[in-house]
C-alpha atoms as a PDB file:
ATOM      1  CA  MET A   1     -11.758  -1.181 -23.242  1.00  0.00           C
ATOM      2  CA  VAL A   2      -9.285   0.541 -20.937  1.00  0.00           C
ATOM      3  CA  ARG A   3      -8.987  -1.361 -17.667  1.00  0.00           C
ATOM      4  CA  ARG A   4      -8.776   0.630 -14.435  1.00  0.00           C
ATOM      5  CA  VAL A   5      -6.514  -0.134 -11.462  1.00  0.00           C
ATOM      6  CA  LEU A   6      -6.709   1.710  -8.126  1.00  0.00           C
ATOM      7  CA  CYS A   7      -3.502   1.778  -6.052  1.00  0.00           C
ATOM      8  CA  PHE A   8      -4.504   2.409  -2.421  1.00  0.00           C
ATOM      9  CA  GLY A   9      -1.570   2.997  -0.109  1.00  0.00           C
ATOM     10  CA  ASP A  10       0.445   5.296   2.115  1.00  0.00           C
ATOM     11  CA  SER A  11       3.584   7.405   1.700  1.00  0.00           C
ATOM     12  CA  ASN A  12       5.370   4.629  -0.174  1.00  0.00           C
ATOM     13  CA  THR A  13       2.618   4.750  -2.796  1.00  0.00           C
ATOM     14  CA  HIS A  14       2.587   8.553  -2.688  1.00  0.00           C
ATOM     15  CA  GLY A  15       6.356   8.499  -3.316  1.00  0.00           C
ATOM     16  CA  THR A  16       7.657  10.259  -0.206  1.00  0.00           C
ATOM     17  CA  VAL A  17      11.447  10.673  -0.200  1.00  0.00           C
ATOM     18  CA  ALA A  18      13.318   9.501   2.914  1.00  0.00           C
ATOM     19  CA  MET A  19      12.992  12.244   5.518  1.00  0.00           C
ATOM     20  CA  ARG A  20      15.824  14.257   7.036  1.00  0.00           C
ATOM     21  CA  ALA A  21      13.399  16.334   9.132  1.00  0.00           C
ATOM     22  CA  LEU A  22       9.805  15.753  10.235  1.00  0.00           C
ATOM     23  CA  GLY A  23       8.572  18.616   8.084  1.00  0.00           C
ATOM     24  CA  ASP A  24       9.995  17.187   4.859  1.00  0.00           C
ATOM     25  CA  ARG A  25       7.437  16.882   2.055  1.00  0.00           C
ATOM     26  CA  LEU A  26       9.700  15.828  -0.801  1.00  0.00           C
ATOM     27  CA  ARG A  27       8.256  13.396  -3.317  1.00  0.00           C
ATOM     28  CA  HIS A  28       9.859  11.289  -6.041  1.00  0.00           C
ATOM     29  CA  ASP A  29       8.998  12.481  -9.546  1.00  0.00           C
ATOM     30  CA  GLU A  30       6.295  10.861 -11.642  1.00  0.00           C
ATOM     31  CA  THR A  31       8.686   8.742 -13.679  1.00  0.00           C
ATOM     32  CA  THR A  32      10.110   7.199 -10.483  1.00  0.00           C
ATOM     33  CA  ARG A  33       7.125   6.457  -8.232  1.00  0.00           C
ATOM     34  CA  TRP A  34       6.096   2.801  -8.426  1.00  0.00           C
ATOM     35  CA  PRO A  35       2.466   3.341  -9.559  1.00  0.00           C
ATOM     36  CA  GLU A  36       3.674   5.443 -12.490  1.00  0.00           C
ATOM     37  CA  ALA A  37       6.542   3.048 -13.241  1.00  0.00           C
ATOM     38  CA  MET A  38       4.003   0.225 -13.176  1.00  0.00           C
ATOM     39  CA  ALA A  39       1.670   2.129 -15.494  1.00  0.00           C
ATOM     40  CA  ALA A  40       4.462   2.703 -17.994  1.00  0.00           C
ATOM     41  CA  ALA A  41       5.281  -1.012 -18.006  1.00  0.00           C
ATOM     42  CA  LEU A  42       1.626  -2.022 -18.403  1.00  0.00           C
ATOM     43  CA  GLY A  43       1.025   0.291 -21.356  1.00  0.00           C
ATOM     44  CA  PRO A  44      -1.867   2.465 -22.514  1.00  0.00           C
ATOM     45  CA  GLY A  45      -4.558  -0.197 -22.165  1.00  0.00           C
ATOM     46  CA  ILE A  46      -4.538   0.142 -18.374  1.00  0.00           C
ATOM     47  CA  ARG A  47      -5.358   3.313 -16.420  1.00  0.00           C
ATOM     48  CA  VAL A  48      -3.548   3.431 -13.066  1.00  0.00           C
ATOM     49  CA  ILE A  49      -5.094   5.612 -10.347  1.00  0.00           C
ATOM     50  CA  ASP A  50      -2.587   6.600  -7.655  1.00  0.00           C
ATOM     51  CA  GLU A  51      -4.222   7.074  -4.228  1.00  0.00           C
ATOM     52  CA  GLY A  52      -1.304   7.186  -1.791  1.00  0.00           C
ATOM     53  CA  LEU A  53      -1.688   9.203   1.432  1.00  0.00           C
ATOM     54  CA  PRO A  54       1.290   9.684   3.777  1.00  0.00           C
ATOM     55  CA  GLY A  55       0.466   8.367   7.231  1.00  0.00           C
ATOM     56  CA  ARG A  56      -2.483   6.233   6.109  1.00  0.00           C
ATOM     57  CA  THR A  57      -3.262   3.248   8.336  1.00  0.00           C
ATOM     58  CA  THR A  58      -5.433   0.246   7.574  1.00  0.00           C
ATOM     59  CA  VAL A  59      -8.427   0.880   9.862  1.00  0.00           C
ATOM     60  CA  HIS A  60      -7.193   3.150  12.676  1.00  0.00           C
ATOM     61  CA  ASP A  61      -7.745   6.827  13.422  1.00  0.00           C
ATOM     62  CA  ASP A  62      -4.387   8.405  14.200  1.00  0.00           C
ATOM     63  CA  PRO A  63      -4.607  10.298  17.523  1.00  0.00           C
ATOM     64  CA  ILE A  64      -1.798  12.621  16.423  1.00  0.00           C
ATOM     65  CA  GLU A  65      -2.131  12.971  12.649  1.00  0.00           C
ATOM     66  CA  GLY A  66      -5.919  12.771  12.432  1.00  0.00           C
ATOM     67  CA  ALA A  67      -8.891  10.526  11.719  1.00  0.00           C
ATOM     68  CA  HIS A  68      -8.484  11.088   7.958  1.00  0.00           C
ATOM     69  CA  LYS A  69      -5.465   8.763   8.046  1.00  0.00           C
ATOM     70  CA  ASN A  70      -7.833   5.817   8.599  1.00  0.00           C
ATOM     71  CA  GLY A  71      -7.917   3.896   5.309  1.00  0.00           C
ATOM     72  CA  LEU A  72     -11.268   2.266   6.022  1.00  0.00           C
ATOM     73  CA  ARG A  73     -12.942   5.670   6.336  1.00  0.00           C
ATOM     74  CA  LEU A  74     -11.963   6.748   2.827  1.00  0.00           C
ATOM     75  CA  LEU A  75     -11.860   3.522   0.829  1.00  0.00           C
ATOM     76  CA  PRO A  76     -15.623   3.221   0.118  1.00  0.00           C
ATOM     77  CA  ALA A  77     -15.741   6.771  -1.275  1.00  0.00           C
ATOM     78  CA  LEU A  78     -12.714   6.146  -3.483  1.00  0.00           C
ATOM     79  CA  LEU A  79     -14.182   2.916  -4.806  1.00  0.00           C
ATOM     80  CA  GLU A  80     -17.355   4.742  -5.763  1.00  0.00           C
ATOM     81  CA  SER A  81     -15.643   7.826  -7.206  1.00  0.00           C
ATOM     82  CA  HIS A  82     -13.327   5.773  -9.433  1.00  0.00           C
ATOM     83  CA  ARG A  83     -15.801   3.089 -10.545  1.00  0.00           C
ATOM     84  CA  PRO A  84     -15.754   1.004 -12.623  1.00  0.00           C
ATOM     85  CA  LEU A  85     -12.566  -0.588 -11.322  1.00  0.00           C
ATOM     86  CA  ASP A  86     -11.045  -3.810 -12.605  1.00  0.00           C
ATOM     87  CA  LEU A  87      -8.516  -4.210  -9.791  1.00  0.00           C
ATOM     88  CA  VAL A  88      -7.692  -2.650  -6.417  1.00  0.00           C
ATOM     89  CA  VAL A  89      -4.087  -2.875  -5.208  1.00  0.00           C
ATOM     90  CA  ILE A  90      -3.702  -2.323  -1.455  1.00  0.00           C
ATOM     91  CA  MET A  91      -0.270  -1.810   0.102  1.00  0.00           C
ATOM     92  CA  LEU A  92      -0.786  -0.701   3.696  1.00  0.00           C
ATOM     93  CA  GLY A  93       0.380  -1.680   7.172  1.00  0.00           C
ATOM     94  CA  THR A  94       3.564   0.336   7.564  1.00  0.00           C
ATOM     95  CA  ASN A  95       1.965   3.113   9.608  1.00  0.00           C
ATOM     96  CA  ASP A  96       0.135   0.566  11.766  1.00  0.00           C
ATOM     97  CA  LEU A  97       3.631  -0.397  12.983  1.00  0.00           C
ATOM     98  CA  LYS A  98       3.995   2.914  14.821  1.00  0.00           C
ATOM     99  CA  HIS A  99       4.500   2.362  18.536  1.00  0.00           C
ATOM    100  CA  ARG A 100       1.459   4.507  19.390  1.00  0.00           C
ATOM    101  CA  PHE A 101      -0.908   1.873  17.968  1.00  0.00           C
ATOM    102  CA  ALA A 102       0.544  -1.094  19.921  1.00  0.00           C
ATOM    103  CA  LEU A 103      -0.577  -3.604  17.277  1.00  0.00           C
ATOM    104  CA  THR A 104       0.721  -7.067  16.508  1.00  0.00           C
ATOM    105  CA  ALA A 105       1.450  -8.255  12.984  1.00  0.00           C
ATOM    106  CA  TRP A 106      -1.722 -10.348  13.194  1.00  0.00           C
ATOM    107  CA  ASP A 107      -3.732  -7.233  14.133  1.00  0.00           C
ATOM    108  CA  ILE A 108      -2.350  -5.321  11.154  1.00  0.00           C
ATOM    109  CA  ALA A 109      -3.222  -8.151   8.776  1.00  0.00           C
ATOM    110  CA  ALA A 110      -6.715  -8.197  10.289  1.00  0.00           C
ATOM    111  CA  GLY A 111      -7.018  -4.529   9.326  1.00  0.00           C
ATOM    112  CA  LEU A 112      -6.097  -5.422   5.770  1.00  0.00           C
ATOM    113  CA  ARG A 113      -8.749  -8.134   5.870  1.00  0.00           C
ATOM    114  CA  ARG A 114     -11.364  -5.469   6.650  1.00  0.00           C
ATOM    115  CA  LEU A 115     -10.197  -3.442   3.667  1.00  0.00           C
ATOM    116  CA  GLY A 116     -10.220  -6.477   1.405  1.00  0.00           C
ATOM    117  CA  GLU A 117     -13.715  -7.387   2.545  1.00  0.00           C
ATOM    118  CA  THR A 118     -14.823  -3.828   1.783  1.00  0.00           C
ATOM    119  CA  VAL A 119     -13.575  -4.181  -1.789  1.00  0.00           C
ATOM    120  CA  ALA A 120     -15.165  -7.621  -2.169  1.00  0.00           C
ATOM    121  CA  ALA A 121     -18.518  -6.352  -0.889  1.00  0.00           C
ATOM    122  CA  SER A 122     -18.606  -3.333  -3.198  1.00  0.00           C
ATOM    123  CA  ASP A 123     -20.366  -3.036  -6.538  1.00  0.00           C
ATOM    124  CA  CYS A 124     -17.617  -0.872  -8.008  1.00  0.00           C
ATOM    125  CA  GLY A 125     -16.282  -3.337 -10.547  1.00  0.00           C
ATOM    126  CA  ARG A 126     -17.498  -4.001 -14.065  1.00  0.00           C
ATOM    127  CA  ASP A 127     -21.220  -4.574 -14.495  1.00  0.00           C
ATOM    128  CA  GLY A 128     -21.925  -3.963 -10.821  1.00  0.00           C
ATOM    129  CA  GLY A 129     -19.657  -6.690  -9.521  1.00  0.00           C
ATOM    130  CA  ALA A 130     -16.685  -6.353  -7.198  1.00  0.00           C
ATOM    131  CA  PRO A 131     -13.218  -5.407  -8.502  1.00  0.00           C
ATOM    132  CA  GLY A 132     -10.360  -7.842  -8.311  1.00  0.00           C
ATOM    133  CA  LEU A 133      -7.965  -7.482  -5.366  1.00  0.00           C
ATOM    134  CA  LEU A 134      -4.182  -7.588  -4.983  1.00  0.00           C
ATOM    135  CA  LEU A 135      -2.822  -7.376  -1.426  1.00  0.00           C
ATOM    136  CA  VAL A 136       0.806  -6.309  -1.085  1.00  0.00           C
ATOM    137  CA  ALA A 137       2.857  -6.846   2.060  1.00  0.00           C
ATOM    138  CA  PRO A 138       4.863  -3.649   2.579  1.00  0.00           C
ATOM    139  CA  VAL A 139       8.645  -3.476   2.686  1.00  0.00           C
ATOM    140  CA  PRO A 140       9.829  -4.130   6.275  1.00  0.00           C
ATOM    141  CA  VAL A 141      10.940  -1.067   8.220  1.00  0.00           C
ATOM    142  CA  GLU A 142      14.171  -0.388  10.079  1.00  0.00           C
ATOM    143  CA  GLU A 143      14.370   1.546  13.323  1.00  0.00           C
ATOM    144  CA  ALA A 144      16.701   4.224  11.966  1.00  0.00           C
ATOM    145  CA  GLY A 145      17.038   7.975  11.611  1.00  0.00           C
ATOM    146  CA  LEU A 146      14.538  10.484  12.911  1.00  0.00           C
ATOM    147  CA  LEU A 147      11.644   7.985  12.711  1.00  0.00           C
ATOM    148  CA  ALA A 148      13.350   5.335  14.858  1.00  0.00           C
ATOM    149  CA  GLU A 149      11.537   6.165  18.099  1.00  0.00           C
ATOM    150  CA  MET A 150       8.171   6.510  16.353  1.00  0.00           C
ATOM    151  CA  PHE A 151       8.565   2.943  15.054  1.00  0.00           C
ATOM    152  CA  THR A 152      10.033   1.402  18.212  1.00  0.00           C
ATOM    153  CA  GLY A 153       9.476  -2.360  18.002  1.00  0.00           C
ATOM    154  CA  GLY A 154       8.252  -2.083  14.423  1.00  0.00           C
ATOM    155  CA  ALA A 155      11.194  -3.680  12.643  1.00  0.00           C
ATOM    156  CA  ALA A 156      10.588  -7.161  14.055  1.00  0.00           C
ATOM    157  CA  LYS A 157       6.814  -6.955  13.605  1.00  0.00           C
ATOM    158  CA  SER A 158       7.183  -5.776  10.015  1.00  0.00           C
ATOM    159  CA  ARG A 159       9.071  -8.939   9.151  1.00  0.00           C
ATOM    160  CA  ALA A 160       6.151 -11.055  10.326  1.00  0.00           C
ATOM    161  CA  LEU A 161       3.601  -9.202   8.209  1.00  0.00           C
ATOM    162  CA  ALA A 162       4.066 -10.980   4.885  1.00  0.00           C
ATOM    163  CA  ARG A 163       2.968 -14.430   6.069  1.00  0.00           C
ATOM    164  CA  HIS A 164      -0.117 -13.034   7.781  1.00  0.00           C
ATOM    165  CA  ILE A 165      -1.104 -10.926   4.771  1.00  0.00           C
ATOM    166  CA  ALA A 166      -0.510 -13.877   2.447  1.00  0.00           C
ATOM    167  CA  GLN A 167      -2.989 -15.873   4.535  1.00  0.00           C
ATOM    168  CA  VAL A 168      -5.542 -13.043   4.364  1.00  0.00           C
ATOM    169  CA  ALA A 169      -5.142 -12.916   0.578  1.00  0.00           C
ATOM    170  CA  ALA A 170      -5.648 -16.667   0.333  1.00  0.00           C
ATOM    171  CA  ASP A 171      -8.756 -16.496   2.522  1.00  0.00           C
ATOM    172  CA  LEU A 172     -10.230 -13.738   0.367  1.00  0.00           C
ATOM    173  CA  GLY A 173      -9.284 -15.331  -2.959  1.00  0.00           C
ATOM    174  CA  ALA A 174      -7.064 -12.324  -3.705  1.00  0.00           C
ATOM    175  CA  ALA A 175      -3.679 -12.086  -5.404  1.00  0.00           C
ATOM    176  CA  PHE A 176      -0.640 -11.477  -3.174  1.00  0.00           C
ATOM    177  CA  LEU A 177       2.783  -9.889  -3.547  1.00  0.00           C
ATOM    178  CA  ASP A 178       5.549  -9.536  -0.946  1.00  0.00           C
ATOM    179  CA  ALA A 179       7.251  -6.171  -1.548  1.00  0.00           C
ATOM    180  CA  GLY A 180       9.869  -7.050   1.057  1.00  0.00           C
ATOM    181  CA  ALA A 181      11.253  -9.695  -1.290  1.00  0.00           C
ATOM    182  CA  LEU A 182      11.836  -7.011  -3.916  1.00  0.00           C
ATOM    183  CA  ALA A 183      13.118  -3.902  -2.151  1.00  0.00           C
ATOM    184  CA  GLN A 184      14.521  -2.425   1.041  1.00  0.00           C
ATOM    185  CA  VAL A 185      13.782   0.850   2.803  1.00  0.00           C
ATOM    186  CA  ASP A 186      16.158   3.790   2.605  1.00  0.00           C
ATOM    187  CA  PRO A 187      18.357   3.575   5.740  1.00  0.00           C
ATOM    188  CA  LEU A 188      18.179   7.364   6.063  1.00  0.00           C
ATOM    189  CA  ASP A 189      14.818   7.125   7.833  1.00  0.00           C
ATOM    190  CA  GLY A 190      14.123   3.374   7.816  1.00  0.00           C
ATOM    191  CA  VAL A 191      10.624   3.703   6.337  1.00  0.00           C
ATOM    192  CA  HIS A 192      10.570   5.229   2.871  1.00  0.00           C
ATOM    193  CA  LEU A 193      11.759   3.862  -0.459  1.00  0.00           C
ATOM    194  CA  ASP A 194      14.528   5.250  -2.643  1.00  0.00           C
ATOM    195  CA  ALA A 195      14.334   5.560  -6.417  1.00  0.00           C
ATOM    196  CA  ALA A 196      15.820   2.116  -7.077  1.00  0.00           C
ATOM    197  CA  ALA A 197      13.275   0.482  -4.773  1.00  0.00           C
ATOM    198  CA  HIS A 198      10.414   2.266  -6.545  1.00  0.00           C
ATOM    199  CA  ARG A 199      11.647   1.107  -9.937  1.00  0.00           C
ATOM    200  CA  ALA A 200      12.037  -2.500  -8.771  1.00  0.00           C
ATOM    201  CA  LEU A 201       8.622  -2.465  -7.161  1.00  0.00           C
ATOM    202  CA  GLY A 202       7.007  -0.892 -10.219  1.00  0.00           C
ATOM    203  CA  ALA A 203       8.327  -3.644 -12.491  1.00  0.00           C
ATOM    204  CA  ALA A 204       7.213  -6.427 -10.156  1.00  0.00           C
ATOM    205  CA  MET A 205       3.826  -4.789  -9.619  1.00  0.00           C
ATOM    206  CA  ALA A 206       3.295  -4.610 -13.375  1.00  0.00           C
ATOM    207  CA  ASP A 207       3.805  -8.373 -13.633  1.00  0.00           C
ATOM    208  CA  ALA A 208       1.514  -9.042 -10.655  1.00  0.00           C
ATOM    209  CA  VAL A 209      -1.214  -6.702 -11.933  1.00  0.00           C
ATOM    210  CA  GLY A 210      -1.013  -8.208 -15.418  1.00  0.00           C
ATOM    211  CA  ARG A 211      -1.529 -11.693 -13.953  1.00  0.00           C
ATOM    212  CA  ALA A 212      -4.364 -10.513 -11.719  1.00  0.00           C
ATOM    213  CA  LEU A 213      -6.167  -8.874 -14.621  1.00  0.00           C
ATOM    214  CA  ASP A 214      -5.770 -11.940 -16.824  1.00  0.00           C
END
């Protein structure tokens, strides 16, 4: 049986390259992006489904980029369209740090709790049960480059996220990984990951997913 893992995230799951201009749409290649690097490490017995959307938040409509950036709106449909799923990996929260949302680290973790509860309440796992869940605290941001003003105040809040998300994972009986202990953002824009960070994250994710599936 091939086991199925859904990776639900934002631009750092999509593989967006650090931006020099707001219109940049560059993406790391498939051998570099962490979901694909993770899949290669896990081997052919596990099917990794990459669902990364740039700008995705946990549970918030974006008044500038659109309501489709709200992760909670899309997650139920993705769970159903990709069923049966053995594990759902969620790495979100970075875009919630944007100044326009005025959220605390606790608020952002509460959004992840809603997503985790959605997974736990679904029947999209094997035999009509719920899939397993791995919550990942995103890499902390820096207020740098052209995105600095957009993320005003976000650097400090991002460093408080891991402990709150770890508590949410514990409350939900989910696995947890702190990506900030493994990688740093590219200082070019302070938000996105470079190739080395993707490779490091992919290797660590493979270990975490393997443990979660076992």
